[in-house]
Structures are given as C-alpha cells and as structure tokens.
C-alpha atoms as a PDB file:
ATOM      1  CA  MET A   1     -51.331 236.294  86.914  1.00  0.00           C
ATOM      2  CA  ASP A   2     -52.430 233.575  89.586  1.00  0.00           C
ATOM      3  CA  ILE A   3     -50.470 231.075  90.624  1.00  0.00           C
ATOM      4  CA  ALA A   4     -50.923 227.074  91.405  1.00  0.00           C
ATOM      5  CA  ILE A   5     -49.515 224.849  93.881  1.00  0.00           C
ATOM      6  CA  SER A   6     -48.480 221.599  91.860  1.00  0.00           C
ATOM      7  CA  LYS A   7     -48.442 218.530  94.317  1.00  0.00           C
ATOM      8  CA  ALA A   8     -44.198 218.923  93.823  1.00  0.00           C
ATOM      9  CA  GLY A   9     -45.071 222.089  96.122  1.00  0.00           C
ATOM     10  CA  ILE A  10     -43.558 224.086  92.385  1.00  0.00           C
ATOM     11  CA  PRO A  11     -45.427 227.363  91.950  1.00  0.00           C
ATOM     12  CA  ILE A  12     -47.247 227.324  88.223  1.00  0.00           C
ATOM     13  CA  ARG A  13     -47.633 230.525  87.344  1.00  0.00           C
ATOM     14  CA  LEU A  14     -51.338 231.261  84.842  1.00  0.00           C
ATOM     15  CA  THR A  15     -50.064 235.114  82.399  1.00  0.00           C
ATOM     16  CA  ASP A  16     -53.239 236.751  81.120  1.00  0.00           C
ATOM     17  CA  GLU A  17     -51.256 236.628  78.794  1.00  0.00           C
ATOM     18  CA  ARG A  18     -50.909 232.205  78.187  1.00  0.00           C
ATOM     19  CA  TRP A  19     -54.658 232.187  79.311  1.00  0.00           C
ATOM     20  CA  CYS A  20     -55.918 234.581  76.503  1.00  0.00           C
ATOM     21  CA  HIS A  21     -53.268 232.853  74.496  1.00  0.00           C
ATOM     22  CA  ILE A  22     -55.452 229.607  75.970  1.00  0.00           C
ATOM     23  CA  VAL A  23     -58.480 231.267  75.273  1.00  0.00           C
ATOM     24  CA  GLU A  24     -57.959 231.801  71.777  1.00  0.00           C
ATOM     25  CA  ASN A  25     -57.488 228.778  70.512  1.00  0.00           C
ATOM     26  CA  HIS A  26     -60.212 226.928  72.654  1.00  0.00           C
ATOM     27  CA  ASP A  27     -63.242 229.933  72.992  1.00  0.00           C
ATOM     28  CA  ASP A  28     -65.470 227.102  75.137  1.00  0.00           C
ATOM     29  CA  LEU A  29     -63.209 227.017  77.806  1.00  0.00           C
ATOM     30  CA  ALA A  30     -63.784 230.674  78.501  1.00  0.00           C
ATOM     31  CA  GLY A  31     -64.908 230.313  82.331  1.00  0.00           C
ATOM     32  CA  TYR A  32     -62.811 227.966  83.047  1.00  0.00           C
ATOM     33  CA  TYR A  33     -60.669 229.851  84.874  1.00  0.00           C
ATOM     34  CA  ASP A  34     -61.368 228.938  88.602  1.00  0.00           C
ATOM     35  CA  GLU A  35     -61.225 225.389  87.900  1.00  0.00           C
ATOM     36  CA  VAL A  36     -57.609 225.290  85.754  1.00  0.00           C
ATOM     37  CA  LEU A  37     -55.790 226.585  88.631  1.00  0.00           C
ATOM     38  CA  ILE A  38     -58.007 224.183  91.451  1.00  0.00           C
ATOM     39  CA  THR A  39     -56.851 221.465  88.696  1.00  0.00           C
ATOM     40  CA  VAL A  40     -53.362 222.577  89.639  1.00  0.00           C
ATOM     41  CA  GLU A  41     -53.710 221.897  92.477  1.00  0.00           C
ATOM     42  CA  ASP A  42     -56.040 219.125  93.172  1.00  0.00           C
ATOM     43  CA  PRO A  43     -56.698 217.186  90.248  1.00  0.00           C
ATOM     44  CA  ASP A  44     -57.707 213.468  90.457  1.00  0.00           C
ATOM     45  CA  PHE A  45     -54.487 211.885  88.530  1.00  0.00           C
ATOM     46  CA  ILE A  46     -51.468 213.191  87.055  1.00  0.00           C
ATOM     47  CA  LEU A  47     -50.128 211.745  83.875  1.00  0.00           C
ATOM     48  CA  ARG A  48     -47.648 212.499  81.573  1.00  0.00           C
ATOM     49  CA  GLY A  49     -47.442 214.243  78.629  1.00  0.00           C
ATOM     50  CA  TYR A  50     -44.314 214.932  76.213  1.00  0.00           C
ATOM     51  CA  SER A  51     -40.684 216.457  76.891  1.00  0.00           C
ATOM     52  CA  GLY A  52     -41.512 216.778  80.085  1.00  0.00           C
ATOM     53  CA  ALA A  53     -44.503 218.244  80.084  1.00  0.00           C
ATOM     54  CA  LEU A  54     -47.698 217.165  82.301  1.00  0.00           C
ATOM     55  CA  ILE A  55     -50.877 216.387  82.458  1.00  0.00           C
ATOM     56  CA  ALA A  56     -52.921 217.385  85.818  1.00  0.00           C
ATOM     57  CA  VAL A  57     -56.368 216.105  84.866  1.00  0.00           C
ATOM     58  CA  ARG A  58     -60.005 216.420  87.060  1.00  0.00           C
ATOM     59  CA  SER A  59     -63.571 215.259  86.788  1.00  0.00           C
ATOM     60  CA  LEU A  60     -66.582 217.792  85.765  1.00  0.00           C
ATOM     61  CA  GLY A  61     -68.688 215.750  85.848  1.00  0.00           C
ATOM     62  CA  ARG A  62     -69.239 212.258  84.820  1.00  0.00           C
ATOM     63  CA  ARG A  63     -67.673 212.603  81.664  1.00  0.00           C
ATOM     64  CA  LYS A  64     -66.151 215.551  81.353  1.00  0.00           C
ATOM     65  CA  PHE A  65     -62.870 215.803  82.533  1.00  0.00           C
ATOM     66  CA  LEU A  66     -60.759 219.284  82.655  1.00  0.00           C
ATOM     67  CA  ALA A  67     -56.999 218.465  81.751  1.00  0.00           C
ATOM     68  CA  VAL A  68     -54.228 220.996  82.659  1.00  0.00           C
ATOM     69  CA  ILE A  69     -50.663 220.789  80.768  1.00  0.00           C
ATOM     70  CA  TYR A  70     -47.884 222.059  83.099  1.00  0.00           C
ATOM     71  CA  ARG A  71     -44.203 221.791  83.074  1.00  0.00           C
ATOM     72  CA  GLU A  72     -42.338 222.275  86.278  1.00  0.00           C
ATOM     73  CA  LEU A  73     -39.255 224.192  86.347  1.00  0.00           C
ATOM     74  CA  SER A  74     -36.558 223.800  88.831  1.00  0.00           C
ATOM     75  CA  ARG A  75     -38.647 226.939  91.154  1.00  0.00           C
ATOM     76  CA  LYS A  76     -41.708 228.427  89.364  1.00  0.00           C
ATOM     77  CA  ALA A  77     -43.999 227.393  85.392  1.00  0.00           C
ATOM     78  CA  VAL A  78     -45.670 228.843  83.268  1.00  0.00           C
ATOM     79  CA  SER A  79     -49.538 226.581  82.802  1.00  0.00           C
ATOM     80  CA  LEU A  80     -49.344 225.194  78.798  1.00  0.00           C
ATOM     81  CA  SER A  81     -52.472 224.696  77.631  1.00  0.00           C
ATOM     82  CA  ARG A  82     -55.888 223.497  79.455  1.00  0.00           C
ATOM     83  CA  ARG A  83     -58.296 221.596  77.801  1.00  0.00           C
ATOM     84  CA  THR A  84     -62.536 219.278  78.148  1.00  0.00           C
ATOM     85  CA  SER A  85     -62.730 216.707  76.959  1.00  0.00           C
ATOM     86  CA  ARG A  86     -64.970 212.924  77.417  1.00  0.00           C
ATOM     87  CA  ARG A  87     -61.999 210.133  76.925  1.00  0.00           C
ATOM     88  CA  ARG A  88     -61.898 208.160  79.444  1.00  0.00           C
ATOM     89  CA  PHE A  89     -58.568 208.802  80.799  1.00  0.00           C
ATOM     90  CA  HIS A  90     -56.716 204.909  82.425  1.00  0.00           C
ATOM     91  CA  GLU A  91     -55.512 205.040  85.403  1.00  0.00           C
ATOM     92  CA  HIS A  92     -52.579 202.981  84.444  1.00  0.00           C
ATOM     93  CA  SER A  93     -50.982 205.157  82.415  1.00  0.00           C
ATOM     94  CA  SER A  94     -51.317 207.784  85.393  1.00  0.00           C
ATOM     95  CA  TYR A  95     -48.316 209.600  87.160  1.00  0.00           C
ATOM     96  CA  GLY A  96     -49.964 209.948  90.244  1.00  0.00           C
ATOM     97  CA  GLU A  97     -53.585 209.434  92.102  1.00  0.00           C
ATOM     98  CA  LYS A  98     -55.700 211.211  94.466  1.00  0.00           C
ATOM     99  CA  ASN A  99     -56.264 209.157  97.527  1.00  0.00           C
ATOM    100  CA  SER A 100     -59.737 208.339  97.445  1.00  0.00           C
ATOM    101  CA  SER A 101     -61.251 206.227 100.018  1.00  0.00           C
ATOM    102  CA  SER A 102     -63.986 203.843  98.221  1.00  0.00           C
END
C-alpha cells in the first residue's frame, strides 16, 4: 500500500487490492502505478465527479491524459479508479487547476 497526499492535504491510500482491481479491469494501465500517485499529489487540474468523488487529471503528453478518481473521506481516503484518455478536458468544468506561469 502506498499513500499520496491530495491537494487538500488528505492522505489517499492505494491498496494492493484496489490496484489489482484497477489493473484487472484496465490492463493497459498496469505500468502507471507511480503516475497515479503523482497525479493525486500534483494534478494539472481537478474535476468534480459523481457522489462526492474527485477526478485528478494530469497530462501524459500532447494528447493523452491520466484521470484518477478518488474520494476524500475525513482524514483518509481510497483511490477508486483511474484511466487514461485522449479526450480533451475543458477548463471550465474543473474543480481546481494547477497554477501555471505561461
């Protein structure tokens, strides 16, 4: 089990069981373990999901994004899912964005 600290300062646990579940359902993502943790800690922006979930989004290149879905439950939380996408995310729907100087 590893822990990432969200932008709100909440520890997000990624258990071995949860990781196995993610990889079983999204086998193309097996090599992204470290990127999932980095995405929670330092996303390009955060979107609001359903039922209180948050979606941390990080660019993996020009046309590929990693989206990590998680919930902040008091002082501890569990990563729920993640996926890569070529879909463009719109800034107007974001919960919070990474500050950029450009």
